[in-house]
């Protein structure tokens, strides 16, 4: 009984306040001997109702041992300011997207217009995926002879499956 009482009393006397977050949750640590090994215990005492979602990520990392040092108030202020800036940037981008959606105009993100796939592929004449000279005519495919190749050809409405068959064992 006295061992339990001393452990209970030691719980309150040997704890060290490490920090307080902006909500008012208090974070503590203490070192205790468990099976002959000194271990650090970390915990939080919630202000008001116990709400785990009120704990900032940095304090969660400290509680779980992913951080060796507790977050400083300066660090928390800097991170909160950065998060607020990200929220503002998101709001601005959402507003721009909404305006583009209403106007029906979508700005191209490519440099120098939007090149089509065919003109890009033609830059690589030796590549196996590049169309042959007789396959391209004013940007449209010219119908080839109705021969079946081992590789699939075309895409969309012009797709033709190849004649490849899996090897039989």
Protein backbone atom coordinates (compact mmCIF):
# COMPACT_ATOMS: atom_id res chain seq x y z
CA UNK A 1 0.00 0.00 0.00
CA UNK A 2 2.80 2.40 0.84
CA UNK A 3 4.52 1.60 -2.48
CA UNK A 4 1.36 2.53 -4.37
CA UNK A 5 0.96 5.71 -2.33
CA UNK A 6 4.60 6.72 -2.92
CA UNK A 7 4.23 6.08 -6.64
CA UNK A 8 1.06 8.18 -6.68
CA UNK A 9 2.76 10.97 -4.75
CA UNK A 10 5.84 10.72 -6.98
CA UNK A 11 3.63 11.09 -10.02
CA UNK A 12 2.74 14.63 -8.98
CA UNK A 13 6.02 15.70 -7.43
CA UNK A 14 8.45 14.52 -10.12
CA UNK A 15 6.62 15.74 -13.19
CA UNK A 16 8.02 18.62 -15.20
CA UNK A 17 5.87 21.05 -17.15
CA UNK A 18 7.31 21.16 -20.66
CA UNK A 19 4.89 23.53 -22.34
CA UNK A 20 1.40 24.81 -22.97
CA UNK A 21 -0.33 25.08 -26.35
CA UNK A 22 -2.61 27.91 -27.48
CA UNK A 23 -5.74 26.02 -26.37
CA UNK A 24 -4.36 25.69 -22.84
CA UNK A 25 -3.46 21.99 -22.84
CA UNK A 26 -0.43 21.38 -20.59
CA UNK A 27 2.33 18.91 -21.50
CA UNK A 28 4.40 17.09 -18.87
CA UNK A 29 7.31 14.69 -18.67
CA UNK A 30 9.06 12.66 -16.00
CA UNK A 31 11.73 10.01 -15.90
CA UNK A 32 10.95 6.77 -14.08
CA UNK A 33 12.63 3.43 -13.69
CA UNK A 34 10.87 0.52 -15.37
CA UNK A 35 12.52 -2.92 -15.11
CA UNK A 36 15.82 -1.31 -14.21
CA UNK A 37 15.75 1.02 -17.25
CA UNK A 38 15.18 4.75 -16.96
CA UNK A 39 12.37 5.77 -19.31
CA UNK A 40 10.84 9.13 -20.05
CA UNK A 41 7.06 9.33 -19.81
CA UNK A 42 5.21 12.12 -21.62
CA UNK A 43 1.57 13.09 -21.30
CA UNK A 44 -0.93 15.87 -21.75
CA UNK A 45 -3.49 17.29 -19.33
CA UNK A 46 -6.35 18.79 -21.30
CA UNK A 47 -7.87 22.13 -20.43
CA UNK A 48 -11.58 21.60 -20.09
CA UNK A 49 -13.11 18.70 -21.99
CA UNK A 50 -10.71 15.98 -23.15
CA UNK A 51 -10.48 16.54 -26.91
CA UNK A 52 -7.56 14.80 -28.68
CA UNK A 53 -8.26 16.82 -31.84
CA UNK A 54 -7.24 19.98 -30.00
CA UNK A 55 -3.60 18.83 -29.79
CA UNK A 56 -1.35 20.43 -32.46
CA UNK A 57 0.62 18.06 -34.70
CA UNK A 58 3.96 19.18 -33.26
CA UNK A 59 2.87 18.27 -29.73
CA UNK A 60 1.51 14.90 -30.94
CA UNK A 61 4.94 14.17 -32.44
CA UNK A 62 6.59 15.07 -29.13
CA UNK A 63 4.17 12.90 -27.14
CA UNK A 64 4.84 9.92 -29.44
CA UNK A 65 8.61 10.36 -29.19
CA UNK A 66 9.03 11.41 -32.82
CA UNK A 67 10.55 14.66 -31.55
CA UNK A 68 13.21 14.79 -28.87
CA UNK A 69 12.55 18.42 -27.95
CA UNK A 70 9.16 19.93 -27.27
CA UNK A 71 8.00 22.65 -29.68
CA UNK A 72 8.79 26.17 -28.55
CA UNK A 73 6.18 28.95 -28.45
CA UNK A 74 8.10 30.79 -31.19
CA UNK A 75 8.02 27.70 -33.40
CA UNK A 76 4.29 27.28 -32.83
CA UNK A 77 3.63 30.96 -33.71
CA UNK A 78 5.68 30.61 -36.91
CA UNK A 79 3.90 27.40 -37.92
CA UNK A 80 0.47 28.91 -37.21
CA UNK A 81 1.35 31.91 -39.38
CA UNK A 82 2.50 29.58 -42.17
CA UNK A 83 -0.72 27.54 -41.93
CA UNK A 84 -2.78 30.73 -42.08
CA UNK A 85 -0.89 31.84 -45.21
CA UNK A 86 -1.58 28.47 -46.85
CA UNK A 87 -5.30 28.81 -46.02
CA UNK A 88 -5.36 32.28 -47.62
CA UNK A 89 -3.59 31.00 -50.75
CA UNK A 90 -6.08 28.14 -51.02
CA UNK A 91 -8.98 30.60 -50.75
CA UNK A 92 -7.46 32.76 -53.51
CA UNK A 93 -6.96 29.75 -55.80
CA UNK A 94 -10.50 28.50 -55.19
CA UNK A 95 -11.84 31.96 -56.02
CA UNK A 96 -9.83 32.04 -59.29
CA UNK A 97 -11.03 28.55 -60.25
CA UNK A 98 -14.62 29.54 -59.55
CA UNK A 99 -14.27 32.66 -61.73
CA UNK A 100 -12.73 30.57 -64.54
CA UNK A 101 -15.53 28.04 -64.24
CA UNK A 102 -18.19 30.76 -64.42
CA UNK A 103 -16.56 32.50 -67.39
CA UNK A 104 -15.91 29.19 -69.17
CA UNK A 105 -12.29 30.12 -69.83
CA UNK A 106 -9.57 27.79 -68.63
CA UNK A 107 -6.03 29.13 -68.82
CA UNK A 108 -3.45 26.83 -70.37
CA UNK A 109 -0.61 25.86 -68.07
CA UNK A 110 1.82 24.96 -70.85
CA UNK A 111 4.42 27.38 -72.14
CA UNK A 112 3.84 28.71 -75.63
CA UNK A 113 0.33 27.39 -76.08
CA UNK A 114 -0.74 23.78 -75.90
CA UNK A 115 1.10 21.53 -78.35
CA UNK A 116 -0.74 18.46 -79.49
CA UNK A 117 0.56 14.95 -79.00
CA UNK A 118 1.12 14.34 -82.69
CA UNK A 119 3.54 17.25 -83.11
CA UNK A 120 5.38 16.13 -79.99
CA UNK A 121 5.74 12.55 -81.23
CA UNK A 122 6.97 13.69 -84.64
CA UNK A 123 10.06 15.12 -82.93
CA UNK A 124 11.26 11.53 -82.44
CA UNK A 125 11.22 9.89 -85.89
CA UNK A 126 13.30 6.88 -84.86
CA UNK A 127 11.10 5.96 -81.93
CA UNK A 128 8.77 2.98 -82.22
CA UNK A 129 5.73 5.06 -81.18
CA UNK A 130 6.28 7.75 -83.84
CA UNK A 131 3.87 7.60 -86.81
CA UNK A 132 5.32 6.86 -90.24
CA UNK A 133 5.39 9.59 -92.88
CA UNK A 134 2.52 8.02 -94.83
CA UNK A 135 0.38 7.79 -91.68
CA UNK A 136 0.23 11.56 -91.17
CA UNK A 137 -1.57 13.84 -93.55
CA UNK A 138 -2.53 17.36 -92.46
CA UNK A 139 -2.82 16.18 -88.87
CA UNK A 140 -5.22 13.33 -89.68
CA UNK A 141 -4.54 9.61 -90.01
CA UNK A 142 -4.64 8.15 -93.49
CA UNK A 143 -6.31 4.75 -93.56
CA UNK A 144 -3.73 2.01 -93.86
CA UNK A 145 -4.19 -1.29 -95.60
CA UNK A 146 -6.34 -3.73 -93.68
CA UNK A 147 -3.49 -5.87 -92.43
CA UNK A 148 -3.25 -7.22 -88.96
CA UNK A 149 -0.02 -6.49 -87.13
CA UNK A 150 1.28 -8.14 -84.02
CA UNK A 151 1.07 -4.84 -82.13
CA UNK A 152 -2.13 -2.89 -81.42
CA UNK A 153 -2.53 0.30 -83.48
CA UNK A 154 -4.47 3.52 -83.26
CA UNK A 155 -6.45 4.94 -80.40
CA UNK A 156 -10.08 5.79 -79.81
CA UNK A 157 -12.26 5.00 -82.83
CA UNK A 158 -9.24 3.97 -84.92
CA UNK A 159 -8.01 1.39 -82.37
CA UNK A 160 -7.25 -2.04 -83.83
CA UNK A 161 -6.15 -4.86 -81.57
CA UNK A 162 -2.97 -6.72 -82.44
CA UNK A 163 -2.71 -10.39 -83.31
CA UNK A 164 -0.45 -11.24 -80.40
CA UNK A 165 -1.40 -14.37 -78.50
CA UNK A 166 0.09 -15.55 -75.21
CA UNK A 167 2.56 -18.40 -75.54
CA UNK A 168 1.03 -21.82 -75.06
CA UNK A 169 2.86 -24.22 -72.77
